[in-house]
Protein backbone atom coordinates (compact mmCIF):
# COMPACT_ATOMS: atom_id res chain seq x y z
CA UNK A 1 108.87 39.91 64.07
CA UNK A 2 106.35 42.91 63.63
CA UNK A 3 106.45 44.57 60.31
CA UNK A 4 105.09 48.04 59.88
CA UNK A 5 101.93 46.55 57.95
CA UNK A 6 100.61 44.41 60.53
CA UNK A 7 101.58 47.13 63.38
CA UNK A 8 99.52 49.50 61.40
CA UNK A 9 96.87 47.07 60.86
CA UNK A 10 96.62 46.34 64.49
CA UNK A 11 96.50 49.94 65.12
CA UNK A 12 93.70 50.58 62.80
CA UNK A 13 91.71 47.63 64.08
CA UNK A 14 92.48 48.95 67.92
CA UNK A 15 90.94 52.46 66.40
CA UNK A 16 87.86 51.01 64.82
CA UNK A 17 86.88 48.64 67.15
CA UNK A 18 87.13 51.02 70.16
CA UNK A 19 85.18 53.54 68.07
CA UNK A 20 82.78 51.01 67.35
CA UNK A 21 81.91 50.12 71.16
CA UNK A 22 81.99 53.67 71.90
CA UNK A 23 79.38 54.29 69.54
CA UNK A 24 77.55 51.46 70.47
CA UNK A 25 77.43 52.33 74.51
CA UNK A 26 76.99 56.08 73.44
CA UNK A 27 73.57 55.06 71.71
CA UNK A 28 72.47 52.97 74.49
CA UNK A 29 72.94 55.87 77.21
CA UNK A 30 71.28 58.07 74.54
CA UNK A 31 68.25 55.49 74.25
CA UNK A 32 68.25 55.17 78.18
CA UNK A 33 68.34 59.07 78.75
CA UNK A 34 65.76 59.99 76.03
CA UNK A 35 63.70 57.01 76.56
CA UNK A 36 63.81 56.47 80.45
CA UNK A 37 60.84 54.26 80.90
CA UNK A 38 61.58 51.67 78.63
CA UNK A 39 64.54 50.19 80.39
CA UNK A 40 63.49 51.73 83.90
CA UNK A 41 60.73 49.03 83.77
CA UNK A 42 63.44 46.66 83.06
CA UNK A 43 65.37 47.40 86.10
CA UNK A 44 62.10 47.75 88.59
CA UNK A 45 61.37 44.22 87.38
CA UNK A 46 64.56 42.62 87.71
CA UNK A 47 65.18 44.32 91.02
CA UNK A 48 61.65 43.69 92.28
CA UNK A 49 62.01 39.76 91.18
CA UNK A 50 58.55 39.85 90.40
CA UNK A 51 58.71 37.58 87.37
CA UNK A 52 61.01 34.99 88.72
CA UNK A 53 59.69 31.83 90.37
CA UNK A 54 59.20 33.66 93.78
CA UNK A 55 61.08 30.84 95.32
CA UNK A 56 60.69 32.16 99.47
CA UNK A 57 64.68 31.07 99.91
CA UNK A 58 65.46 34.05 97.45
CA UNK A 59 62.67 36.68 97.45
CA UNK A 60 64.09 38.38 100.49
CA UNK A 61 66.68 39.73 98.15
CA UNK A 62 63.86 41.56 96.12
CA UNK A 63 64.43 45.48 96.06
CA UNK A 64 60.83 46.67 96.04
CA UNK A 65 61.23 50.18 96.72
CA UNK A 66 60.92 52.36 93.51
CA UNK A 67 63.10 55.13 94.77
CA UNK A 68 65.74 52.74 95.17
CA UNK A 69 65.19 50.77 91.78
CA UNK A 70 64.98 54.34 90.18
CA UNK A 71 68.22 55.16 91.79
CA UNK A 72 70.20 51.91 90.19
CA UNK A 73 69.02 52.82 86.79
CA UNK A 74 70.16 56.31 87.08
CA UNK A 75 73.65 54.93 88.34
CA UNK A 76 73.47 52.43 85.40
CA UNK A 77 72.98 55.30 82.89
CA UNK A 78 75.58 57.39 84.54
CA UNK A 79 78.11 54.66 84.37
CA UNK A 80 77.07 53.98 80.49
CA UNK A 81 77.36 57.76 79.94
CA UNK A 82 81.16 57.77 81.55
CA UNK A 83 82.10 54.71 79.65
CA UNK A 84 81.11 56.02 76.24
CA UNK A 85 82.82 59.47 77.09
CA UNK A 86 86.05 57.56 77.86
CA UNK A 87 85.89 55.57 74.92
CA UNK A 88 85.02 58.57 72.60
CA UNK A 89 88.26 60.08 74.20
CA UNK A 90 90.30 56.83 73.64
CA UNK A 91 89.12 56.86 69.97
CA UNK A 92 90.09 60.60 69.44
CA UNK A 93 93.51 59.32 71.05
CA UNK A 94 93.82 56.57 68.59
CA UNK A 95 93.22 59.05 65.78
CA UNK A 96 96.00 61.18 66.99
CA UNK A 97 98.30 58.63 67.03
CA UNK A 98 98.67 58.88 70.58
CA UNK A 99 98.82 55.14 71.26
CA UNK A 100 100.06 54.74 74.79
CA UNK A 101 96.97 56.93 76.15
CA UNK A 102 94.73 55.79 73.57
CA UNK A 103 95.35 52.14 75.01
CA UNK A 104 95.02 53.27 78.54
CA UNK A 105 91.61 55.11 78.01
CA UNK A 106 90.41 52.53 75.84
CA UNK A 107 91.14 49.96 78.34
CA UNK A 108 89.38 51.86 80.75
CA UNK A 109 86.33 52.28 78.94
CA UNK A 110 86.04 48.65 77.78
CA UNK A 111 86.94 47.61 81.47
CA UNK A 112 83.58 49.77 82.44
CA UNK A 113 81.73 48.01 80.49
CA UNK A 114 82.66 44.58 81.11
CA UNK A 115 82.40 45.29 85.03
CA UNK A 116 78.58 47.12 84.25
CA UNK A 117 77.35 44.13 81.93
CA UNK A 118 79.55 41.37 83.69
CA UNK A 119 79.48 41.87 87.43
CA UNK A 120 76.09 44.01 87.03
CA UNK A 121 73.97 42.54 84.91
CA UNK A 122 75.45 38.93 84.61
CA UNK A 123 76.29 38.32 87.91
CA UNK A 124 74.14 40.86 90.37
CA UNK A 125 70.86 41.00 88.08
CA UNK A 126 71.38 37.14 86.27
CA UNK A 127 72.24 35.42 89.69
CA UNK A 128 71.51 37.66 92.68
CA UNK A 129 68.12 38.60 91.58
CA UNK A 130 67.59 35.68 89.67
CA UNK A 131 67.08 37.27 86.29
CA UNK A 132 67.68 33.99 84.63
CA UNK A 133 64.14 32.80 85.66
CA UNK A 134 62.44 35.26 83.99
CA UNK A 135 60.65 34.92 80.56
CA UNK A 136 59.82 38.63 80.12
CA UNK A 137 62.59 40.28 81.92
CA UNK A 138 66.15 38.47 81.08
CA UNK A 139 68.73 40.36 79.79
CA UNK A 140 71.44 38.09 80.22
CA UNK A 141 71.91 37.14 76.53
CA UNK A 142 72.10 40.97 75.64
CA UNK A 143 74.52 41.27 78.54
CA UNK A 144 76.79 38.41 77.56
CA UNK A 145 76.91 40.03 74.11
CA UNK A 146 78.64 43.22 75.44
CA UNK A 147 80.83 41.40 77.57
CA UNK A 148 82.07 39.54 75.29
CA UNK A 149 82.52 42.09 72.35
CA UNK A 150 84.26 44.50 74.85
CA UNK A 151 86.43 41.44 75.99
CA UNK A 152 87.41 40.85 72.40
CA UNK A 153 88.13 44.57 71.68
CA UNK A 154 90.06 44.91 75.27
CA UNK A 155 92.22 42.24 73.36
CA UNK A 156 92.98 43.65 70.29
CA UNK A 157 93.77 47.14 72.12
CA UNK A 158 96.08 45.22 74.15
CA UNK A 159 97.66 43.59 70.97
CA UNK A 160 99.14 47.26 70.36
CA UNK A 161 101.29 47.25 73.31
CA UNK A 162 104.91 48.27 72.24
CA UNK A 163 103.90 48.40 68.77
CA UNK A 164 104.13 52.02 67.00
CA UNK A 165 102.86 52.68 63.59
CA UNK A 166 105.31 53.94 61.08
CA UNK A 167 103.01 55.89 58.85
């Protein structure tokens, strides 16, 4: 049986954790926009595969066009920015006690991050472009951290299903 206190605590956890991830990804997007060149180099090196083992069986995957590399980076920044806005809106809805919509928008934003960091960075960057082989341009640890953080927050958000705060 769920008590009013546990409902309120779960809702508070969902609110604060959604806000934390929203702040984090907003700062990431802001940093990528205001310091475009730093992570631009990261994306260029990963896609070019220029710091991997340079195995002939894999190098055909490399994307060496700076235009395509930069386009990929702009798409990443746009995706991060959109995810941040969705999570900020989700946080706002939690604060306003619109739990059903808050859960929905928080879920959308968290899934956006899990797709970006899981499918984008871990799967495509890490495996397809062999980022794991690079000592200098390997973002797998950071991507895994964001993927897991987003997943944990998603679980907490889903725990609020069917619960209404009584306060």
